[in-house]
């Protein structure tokens, strides 16, 4: 078997898809390698399965709010059935993805890839030589470095639970912990979130504070400045004891499950990147230039959560964008750079928190002269009609050019309306033009002129 390729792509998620498919379509000999089931984090262990669970939790929350307001009866989450439904989305993905790759003429390999030279990789008993290599192997849970870390479950394991435990503790107060905490609480679990420092720094602090207050109103025990320092088993009961906080204020929490939601790190530990002359930075990311090419091995490019270029956010659409940039540069030479302007981000809590562009603080720190609008939207029709008890916005506009610099939204369907603000930020649309738009009504988008 010929083990020489024009391109070897490590990873079968969003970052590696475009380089593999586009280079193969151009006639290159291409192989892909993955030590996980084919499909990547988003489709199998992240965005897609999570949103299935969020959808059920949102439905139950909406039903509960509407009782005695036109809706009768009870709605509850049946966790095993919900998991079976989730698997109708995730289970077919690996086989379907591998079949599509093979049909395109791409060789598929399973296992962990390790460099043995600048142009060679070992995968199992295969020794691959490559003219070009794309590293798109994503991220992994950041090591916690605490006693009992082996007792802590990952977000992947949470998404595979056949039975939801009655008590759950989440380590960290970021996206993963807050999203899963809202799902678990809506499903009837007792939930505690143990954070360190200010959570969700990409979003306006006032909106984050409102979301945390709402989370507590839901019955979620959110404890900030309470870092987890250890986990241990409680006798033979199967329960766990979590130690958190810092002297002199420490907490002990007994729970049935502890879930890691304290951040992720680039998944480069087993790559032996130094042997491949690929420099890894202090965060574990592949060090790349403006074209997403390795600064030390020009045959290597990287995309997705395994790189951390300035302005990037570790999100699936960003990985796909970077993969398309890498594909273009492989095929046509280094000419294309990633554009990280106007990337929207959403925390899929109940309700969601969405943001794009700068916060007010970041804009003022840049020395920009800005005008802002802030308001409570709980009385607006978009929230009232679904009896959503929490809603808020802040918009940031350049006072000189009238360009939209940022928007931060909390409330019903903001995960959709944030895309219109993202369009404005990315393409320099003025606030005046957004106000003059004629929107479909009543929609979440039709709220936008009143936020400006």
Foldseek 3Di string as FASTA:
>chain_A
DDQEWQEEEEAQEQQAPLQLLLVLVVPTAYAYEYQDQHYDCCQAQDVQLLVLLLVLLLVQVLLVLCDVVPHDDHDADPQLVSLVVSCVRHVVPRVVSVVVSVVSVYHYYHADWADQELQWIDGPPDIHGYLAYEYEHAWFFDDPPAAPSVQAAESSVVSNDNDQFQEEEEAADELSQQSVLQSSLSNRHQYEYEHEPQYPVQFASVVVVLVVVVSVVSRYHYDYQWHWHYKDDDPPPQKIWTWIHDPPDIDIDIGNHYYYPHDIAAPCPRHNVVNSQFDADPRRATDADQLQAGPGRRSYGYFANSHDPPLDDRDSVRSNQSSNSNSCCSVPNRDDGGDNWLDKDWRVHVPIKIKHAHDPVVCVVVVFDKDKFKDWCCVPPLNVVSNNRGWMKMWIAGPPLQQTGMIIITGPPVVVLSVVSSVRGRPVPGLVVLLPDDDDPDDPNVCSNVRD
